[in-house]
C-alpha atoms as a PDB file:
ATOM      1  CA  UNK A   1    -201.704 -94.940 116.563  1.00  0.00           C
ATOM      2  CA  UNK A   2    -205.212 -94.665 117.972  1.00  0.00           C
ATOM      3  CA  UNK A   3    -206.313 -91.680 120.083  1.00  0.00           C
ATOM      4  CA  UNK A   4    -209.474 -90.479 121.831  1.00  0.00           C
ATOM      5  CA  UNK A   5    -210.190 -86.800 121.039  1.00  0.00           C
ATOM      6  CA  UNK A   6    -212.331 -84.953 123.542  1.00  0.00           C
ATOM      7  CA  UNK A   7    -213.668 -81.696 122.104  1.00  0.00           C
ATOM      8  CA  UNK A   8    -213.520 -82.526 118.476  1.00  0.00           C
ATOM      9  CA  UNK A   9    -216.620 -80.365 117.777  1.00  0.00           C
ATOM     10  CA  UNK A  10    -214.846 -77.113 118.779  1.00  0.00           C
ATOM     11  CA  UNK A  11    -212.915 -74.916 116.306  1.00  0.00           C
ATOM     12  CA  UNK A  12    -209.447 -76.076 117.444  1.00  0.00           C
ATOM     13  CA  UNK A  13    -210.731 -79.661 117.579  1.00  0.00           C
ATOM     14  CA  UNK A  14    -211.759 -79.498 113.974  1.00  0.00           C
ATOM     15  CA  UNK A  15    -208.367 -78.201 112.914  1.00  0.00           C
ATOM     16  CA  UNK A  16    -206.744 -80.971 114.923  1.00  0.00           C
ATOM     17  CA  UNK A  17    -208.908 -83.568 113.238  1.00  0.00           C
ATOM     18  CA  UNK A  18    -207.712 -82.319 109.831  1.00  0.00           C
ATOM     19  CA  UNK A  19    -204.052 -82.578 110.913  1.00  0.00           C
ATOM     20  CA  UNK A  20    -204.451 -86.074 112.392  1.00  0.00           C
ATOM     21  CA  UNK A  21    -206.231 -87.323 109.289  1.00  0.00           C
ATOM     22  CA  UNK A  22    -203.224 -86.251 107.173  1.00  0.00           C
ATOM     23  CA  UNK A  23    -201.013 -88.334 109.485  1.00  0.00           C
ATOM     24  CA  UNK A  24    -203.204 -91.458 109.173  1.00  0.00           C
ATOM     25  CA  UNK A  25    -203.945 -91.424 112.950  1.00  0.00           C
ATOM     26  CA  UNK A  26    -207.023 -93.266 114.060  1.00  0.00           C
ATOM     27  CA  UNK A  27    -209.167 -90.790 115.845  1.00  0.00           C
ATOM     28  CA  UNK A  28    -212.025 -91.845 118.123  1.00  0.00           C
ATOM     29  CA  UNK A  29    -214.189 -88.780 118.676  1.00  0.00           C
ATOM     30  CA  UNK A  30    -215.489 -88.696 122.247  1.00  0.00           C
ATOM     31  CA  UNK A  31    -219.242 -88.782 122.225  1.00  0.00           C
ATOM     32  CA  UNK A  32    -221.064 -87.627 125.353  1.00  0.00           C
ATOM     33  CA  UNK A  33    -220.329 -85.747 128.537  1.00  0.00           C
ATOM     34  CA  UNK A  34    -216.675 -85.676 129.547  1.00  0.00           C
ATOM     35  CA  UNK A  35    -217.897 -84.913 133.073  1.00  0.00           C
ATOM     36  CA  UNK A  36    -218.995 -88.547 133.166  1.00  0.00           C
ATOM     37  CA  UNK A  37    -216.202 -90.830 134.282  1.00  0.00           C
ATOM     38  CA  UNK A  38    -218.020 -93.849 132.995  1.00  0.00           C
ATOM     39  CA  UNK A  39    -218.362 -92.430 129.484  1.00  0.00           C
ATOM     40  CA  UNK A  40    -214.622 -91.693 129.380  1.00  0.00           C
ATOM     41  CA  UNK A  41    -213.741 -95.138 130.713  1.00  0.00           C
ATOM     42  CA  UNK A  42    -215.824 -96.873 128.079  1.00  0.00           C
ATOM     43  CA  UNK A  43    -214.620 -94.795 125.125  1.00  0.00           C
ATOM     44  CA  UNK A  44    -210.887 -94.742 126.068  1.00  0.00           C
ATOM     45  CA  UNK A  45    -210.510 -98.496 125.729  1.00  0.00           C
ATOM     46  CA  UNK A  46    -207.732 -99.412 123.384  1.00  0.00           C
ATOM     47  CA  UNK A  47    -206.307 -95.934 122.710  1.00  0.00           C
ATOM     48  CA  UNK A  48    -202.737 -94.815 123.282  1.00  0.00           C
ATOM     49  CA  UNK A  49    -203.403 -91.110 123.860  1.00  0.00           C
ATOM     50  CA  UNK A  50    -206.263 -89.057 125.277  1.00  0.00           C
ATOM     51  CA  UNK A  51    -206.322 -85.658 123.767  1.00  0.00           C
ATOM     52  CA  UNK A  52    -208.404 -82.730 124.979  1.00  0.00           C
ATOM     53  CA  UNK A  53    -209.329 -79.591 123.192  1.00  0.00           C
ATOM     54  CA  UNK A  54    -212.422 -79.337 125.322  1.00  0.00           C
ATOM     55  CA  UNK A  55    -214.172 -76.215 126.578  1.00  0.00           C
ATOM     56  CA  UNK A  56    -216.233 -75.887 129.715  1.00  0.00           C
ATOM     57  CA  UNK A  57    -218.739 -73.544 131.216  1.00  0.00           C
ATOM     58  CA  UNK A  58    -217.197 -73.234 134.658  1.00  0.00           C
ATOM     59  CA  UNK A  59    -213.874 -73.696 136.481  1.00  0.00           C
ATOM     60  CA  UNK A  60    -215.465 -76.663 138.302  1.00  0.00           C
ATOM     61  CA  UNK A  61    -216.264 -78.335 134.955  1.00  0.00           C
ATOM     62  CA  UNK A  62    -212.720 -78.052 133.763  1.00  0.00           C
ATOM     63  CA  UNK A  63    -211.513 -79.505 137.064  1.00  0.00           C
ATOM     64  CA  UNK A  64    -213.926 -82.445 136.839  1.00  0.00           C
ATOM     65  CA  UNK A  65    -213.089 -83.210 133.252  1.00  0.00           C
ATOM     66  CA  UNK A  66    -209.355 -83.181 133.872  1.00  0.00           C
ATOM     67  CA  UNK A  67    -209.757 -85.287 137.005  1.00  0.00           C
ATOM     68  CA  UNK A  68    -211.679 -87.856 134.983  1.00  0.00           C
ATOM     69  CA  UNK A  69    -209.168 -87.924 132.165  1.00  0.00           C
ATOM     70  CA  UNK A  70    -206.332 -88.314 134.665  1.00  0.00           C
ATOM     71  CA  UNK A  71    -208.136 -91.191 136.439  1.00  0.00           C
ATOM     72  CA  UNK A  72    -208.743 -93.051 133.131  1.00  0.00           C
ATOM     73  CA  UNK A  73    -205.213 -92.400 131.838  1.00  0.00           C
ATOM     74  CA  UNK A  74    -203.689 -93.622 135.054  1.00  0.00           C
ATOM     75  CA  UNK A  75    -205.682 -96.842 135.040  1.00  0.00           C
ATOM     76  CA  UNK A  76    -204.903 -97.562 131.384  1.00  0.00           C
ATOM     77  CA  UNK A  77    -201.367 -96.281 131.299  1.00  0.00           C
ATOM     78  CA  UNK A  78    -202.324 -93.775 128.611  1.00  0.00           C
ATOM     79  CA  UNK A  79    -200.668 -90.535 127.700  1.00  0.00           C
ATOM     80  CA  UNK A  80    -202.609 -87.214 127.795  1.00  0.00           C
ATOM     81  CA  UNK A  81    -202.192 -84.188 125.596  1.00  0.00           C
ATOM     82  CA  UNK A  82    -204.260 -81.193 126.750  1.00  0.00           C
ATOM     83  CA  UNK A  83    -204.774 -77.955 124.938  1.00  0.00           C
ATOM     84  CA  UNK A  84    -204.955 -75.294 127.667  1.00  0.00           C
ATOM     85  CA  UNK A  85    -204.918 -71.542 127.986  1.00  0.00           C
ATOM     86  CA  UNK A  86    -202.380 -68.743 127.833  1.00  0.00           C
ATOM     87  CA  UNK A  87    -203.562 -66.877 130.892  1.00  0.00           C
ATOM     88  CA  UNK A  88    -200.973 -68.482 133.205  1.00  0.00           C
ATOM     89  CA  UNK A  89    -198.081 -67.576 130.909  1.00  0.00           C
ATOM     90  CA  UNK A  90    -195.850 -64.809 132.077  1.00  0.00           C
ATOM     91  CA  UNK A  91    -195.865 -61.884 129.669  1.00  0.00           C
ATOM     92  CA  UNK A  92    -192.941 -59.640 128.778  1.00  0.00           C
ATOM     93  CA  UNK A  93    -194.354 -57.213 131.367  1.00  0.00           C
ATOM     94  CA  UNK A  94    -193.875 -59.939 133.991  1.00  0.00           C
ATOM     95  CA  UNK A  95    -197.596 -60.321 134.605  1.00  0.00           C
ATOM     96  CA  UNK A  96    -200.062 -63.161 134.193  1.00  0.00           C
ATOM     97  CA  UNK A  97    -203.786 -62.761 133.504  1.00  0.00           C
ATOM     98  CA  UNK A  98    -204.541 -65.566 135.871  1.00  0.00           C
ATOM     99  CA  UNK A  99    -203.231 -63.415 138.795  1.00  0.00           C
ATOM    100  CA  UNK A 100    -206.141 -60.991 138.385  1.00  0.00           C
ATOM    101  CA  UNK A 101    -208.622 -61.580 141.197  1.00  0.00           C
ATOM    102  CA  UNK A 102    -211.994 -62.870 139.900  1.00  0.00           C
ATOM    103  CA  UNK A 103    -213.894 -60.081 141.665  1.00  0.00           C
ATOM    104  CA  UNK A 104    -211.986 -57.378 139.819  1.00  0.00           C
ATOM    105  CA  UNK A 105    -211.879 -59.181 136.454  1.00  0.00           C
ATOM    106  CA  UNK A 106    -212.648 -56.670 133.609  1.00  0.00           C
ATOM    107  CA  UNK A 107    -216.359 -56.703 132.719  1.00  0.00           C
ATOM    108  CA  UNK A 108    -215.588 -57.127 129.009  1.00  0.00           C
ATOM    109  CA  UNK A 109    -213.689 -60.331 129.852  1.00  0.00           C
ATOM    110  CA  UNK A 110    -216.064 -61.993 132.313  1.00  0.00           C
ATOM    111  CA  UNK A 111    -216.852 -64.658 129.703  1.00  0.00           C
ATOM    112  CA  UNK A 112    -213.222 -65.775 129.822  1.00  0.00           C
ATOM    113  CA  UNK A 113    -213.222 -66.556 133.557  1.00  0.00           C
ATOM    114  CA  UNK A 114    -213.939 -70.342 133.236  1.00  0.00           C
ATOM    115  CA  UNK A 115    -211.134 -70.812 130.702  1.00  0.00           C
ATOM    116  CA  UNK A 116    -208.621 -68.477 132.397  1.00  0.00           C
ATOM    117  CA  UNK A 117    -208.872 -70.025 135.823  1.00  0.00           C
ATOM    118  CA  UNK A 118    -210.050 -73.512 134.781  1.00  0.00           C
ATOM    119  CA  UNK A 119    -207.110 -74.254 132.482  1.00  0.00           C
ATOM    120  CA  UNK A 120    -204.622 -72.918 135.065  1.00  0.00           C
ATOM    121  CA  UNK A 121    -206.080 -75.302 137.617  1.00  0.00           C
ATOM    122  CA  UNK A 122    -205.885 -78.188 135.162  1.00  0.00           C
ATOM    123  CA  UNK A 123    -202.126 -77.501 134.665  1.00  0.00           C
ATOM    124  CA  UNK A 124    -201.600 -77.848 138.424  1.00  0.00           C
ATOM    125  CA  UNK A 125    -203.592 -81.079 138.421  1.00  0.00           C
ATOM    126  CA  UNK A 126    -201.305 -82.572 135.757  1.00  0.00           C
ATOM    127  CA  UNK A 127    -198.163 -81.453 137.568  1.00  0.00           C
ATOM    128  CA  UNK A 128    -199.335 -83.315 140.679  1.00  0.00           C
ATOM    129  CA  UNK A 129    -200.505 -86.408 138.819  1.00  0.00           C
ATOM    130  CA  UNK A 130    -198.730 -89.672 138.105  1.00  0.00           C
ATOM    131  CA  UNK A 131    -199.395 -89.793 134.406  1.00  0.00           C
ATOM    132  CA  UNK A 132    -197.569 -88.841 131.250  1.00  0.00           C
ATOM    133  CA  UNK A 133    -198.936 -85.579 130.091  1.00  0.00           C
ATOM    134  CA  UNK A 134    -198.161 -82.631 127.812  1.00  0.00           C
ATOM    135  CA  UNK A 135    -199.968 -79.279 128.088  1.00  0.00           C
ATOM    136  CA  UNK A 136    -200.058 -76.673 125.327  1.00  0.00           C
ATOM    137  CA  UNK A 137    -200.545 -73.029 126.130  1.00  0.00           C
ATOM    138  CA  UNK A 138    -201.085 -71.144 122.892  1.00  0.00           C
ATOM    139  CA  UNK A 139    -199.764 -67.658 122.105  1.00  0.00           C
ATOM    140  CA  UNK A 140    -201.307 -64.836 124.011  1.00  0.00           C
ATOM    141  CA  UNK A 141    -203.265 -63.954 120.868  1.00  0.00           C
ATOM    142  CA  UNK A 142    -204.736 -67.161 119.553  1.00  0.00           C
ATOM    143  CA  UNK A 143    -207.098 -66.793 116.674  1.00  0.00           C
ATOM    144  CA  UNK A 144    -208.994 -68.937 114.098  1.00  0.00           C
ATOM    145  CA  UNK A 145    -207.489 -67.158 111.096  1.00  0.00           C
ATOM    146  CA  UNK A 146    -205.174 -68.115 108.311  1.00  0.00           C
ATOM    147  CA  UNK A 147    -201.563 -68.797 109.501  1.00  0.00           C
ATOM    148  CA  UNK A 148    -199.076 -65.960 108.968  1.00  0.00           C
ATOM    149  CA  UNK A 149    -196.009 -68.202 109.044  1.00  0.00           C
ATOM    150  CA  UNK A 150    -194.484 -71.294 110.548  1.00  0.00           C
ATOM    151  CA  UNK A 151    -194.776 -72.007 114.236  1.00  0.00           C
ATOM    152  CA  UNK A 152    -192.172 -72.520 116.964  1.00  0.00           C
ATOM    153  CA  UNK A 153    -192.939 -74.689 119.966  1.00  0.00           C
ATOM    154  CA  UNK A 154    -190.936 -74.498 123.167  1.00  0.00           C
ATOM    155  CA  UNK A 155    -191.308 -75.752 126.774  1.00  0.00           C
ATOM    156  CA  UNK A 156    -191.852 -72.494 128.681  1.00  0.00           C
ATOM    157  CA  UNK A 157    -193.886 -70.832 131.384  1.00  0.00           C
ATOM    158  CA  UNK A 158    -193.212 -67.527 129.582  1.00  0.00           C
ATOM    159  CA  UNK A 159    -195.091 -66.319 126.530  1.00  0.00           C
ATOM    160  CA  UNK A 160    -193.073 -66.357 123.330  1.00  0.00           C
ATOM    161  CA  UNK A 161    -192.803 -63.316 121.062  1.00  0.00           C
ATOM    162  CA  UNK A 162    -191.840 -63.209 117.413  1.00  0.00           C
ATOM    163  CA  UNK A 163    -189.382 -60.829 115.791  1.00  0.00           C
ATOM    164  CA  UNK A 164    -192.200 -58.237 115.510  1.00  0.00           C
ATOM    165  CA  UNK A 165    -192.719 -58.427 119.266  1.00  0.00           C
ATOM    166  CA  UNK A 166    -196.051 -60.148 118.907  1.00  0.00           C
ATOM    167  CA  UNK A 167    -197.277 -63.182 120.736  1.00  0.00           C
ATOM    168  CA  UNK A 168    -199.634 -64.663 118.122  1.00  0.00           C
ATOM    169  CA  UNK A 169    -200.634 -68.042 116.715  1.00  0.00           C
ATOM    170  CA  UNK A 170    -203.408 -69.342 114.543  1.00  0.00           C
ATOM    171  CA  UNK A 171    -205.615 -72.303 115.370  1.00  0.00           C
ATOM    172  CA  UNK A 172    -204.171 -74.076 112.362  1.00  0.00           C
ATOM    173  CA  UNK A 173    -200.654 -73.943 113.656  1.00  0.00           C
ATOM    174  CA  UNK A 174    -201.905 -74.691 117.164  1.00  0.00           C
ATOM    175  CA  UNK A 175    -203.392 -77.877 115.727  1.00  0.00           C
ATOM    176  CA  UNK A 176    -200.160 -78.740 114.025  1.00  0.00           C
ATOM    177  CA  UNK A 177    -198.227 -78.298 117.331  1.00  0.00           C
ATOM    178  CA  UNK A 178    -200.674 -80.563 119.114  1.00  0.00           C
ATOM    179  CA  UNK A 179    -200.521 -83.190 116.350  1.00  0.00           C
ATOM    180  CA  UNK A 180    -196.718 -83.186 116.499  1.00  0.00           C
ATOM    181  CA  UNK A 181    -196.857 -83.728 120.273  1.00  0.00           C
ATOM    182  CA  UNK A 182    -199.348 -86.508 119.953  1.00  0.00           C
ATOM    183  CA  UNK A 183    -197.264 -88.308 117.315  1.00  0.00           C
ATOM    184  CA  UNK A 184    -193.735 -87.582 118.487  1.00  0.00           C
ATOM    185  CA  UNK A 185    -193.838 -86.301 122.093  1.00  0.00           C
ATOM    186  CA  UNK A 186    -191.209 -83.774 123.014  1.00  0.00           C
ATOM    187  CA  UNK A 187    -192.749 -82.157 126.077  1.00  0.00           C
ATOM    188  CA  UNK A 188    -193.832 -84.967 128.372  1.00  0.00           C
ATOM    189  CA  UNK A 189    -194.383 -83.673 131.938  1.00  0.00           C
ATOM    190  CA  UNK A 190    -194.115 -80.095 130.668  1.00  0.00           C
ATOM    191  CA  UNK A 191    -196.137 -77.187 129.500  1.00  0.00           C
ATOM    192  CA  UNK A 192    -195.167 -75.911 126.076  1.00  0.00           C
ATOM    193  CA  UNK A 193    -196.235 -72.835 124.208  1.00  0.00           C
ATOM    194  CA  UNK A 194    -196.156 -71.723 120.601  1.00  0.00           C
ATOM    195  CA  UNK A 195    -195.539 -68.679 118.478  1.00  0.00           C
ATOM    196  CA  UNK A 196    -196.060 -67.948 114.803  1.00  0.00           C
ATOM    197  CA  UNK A 197    -193.032 -66.439 113.044  1.00  0.00           C
ATOM    198  CA  UNK A 198    -193.690 -63.661 110.580  1.00  0.00           C
END
């Protein structure tokens, strides 16, 4: 299997590269600006899956990158696996961070605005597209730390909680979940989320 990985330079992307290397997957690392449709078209030639762990500086950038990936995947009949955000998951309090109006977003979380609202918009783009896609929302608490246990993946719009009542996952287990979906898809046309059991 050959894939194109957009966002390999990020922390999650690096963990995913490690997992895919273990599985002998041929990974083409996207080089350039994913906001360029031409760059994506050229580098996606001959791959089966386009995978994104990309970050962006604005909601509009997330939108454009996703639109470009959808355009390329549709033209080439390729599958897409997107690592998104958790802000659109329903919590056990029946709330979603994405429902907080931008103008009243907590000051300490202003830097999260592009990811919170950008990834939520991307999910809607996929739902309204004509491609085969899978979208991973991590646990509410998603950190680049050593794993605490095994992970569970489930198609859900609700955050998962472990036996301790915590919604947590490590980047390492997030990468394992993404790799599993790339290699043996279980959640095509669905959003799935993960939890670490400990």
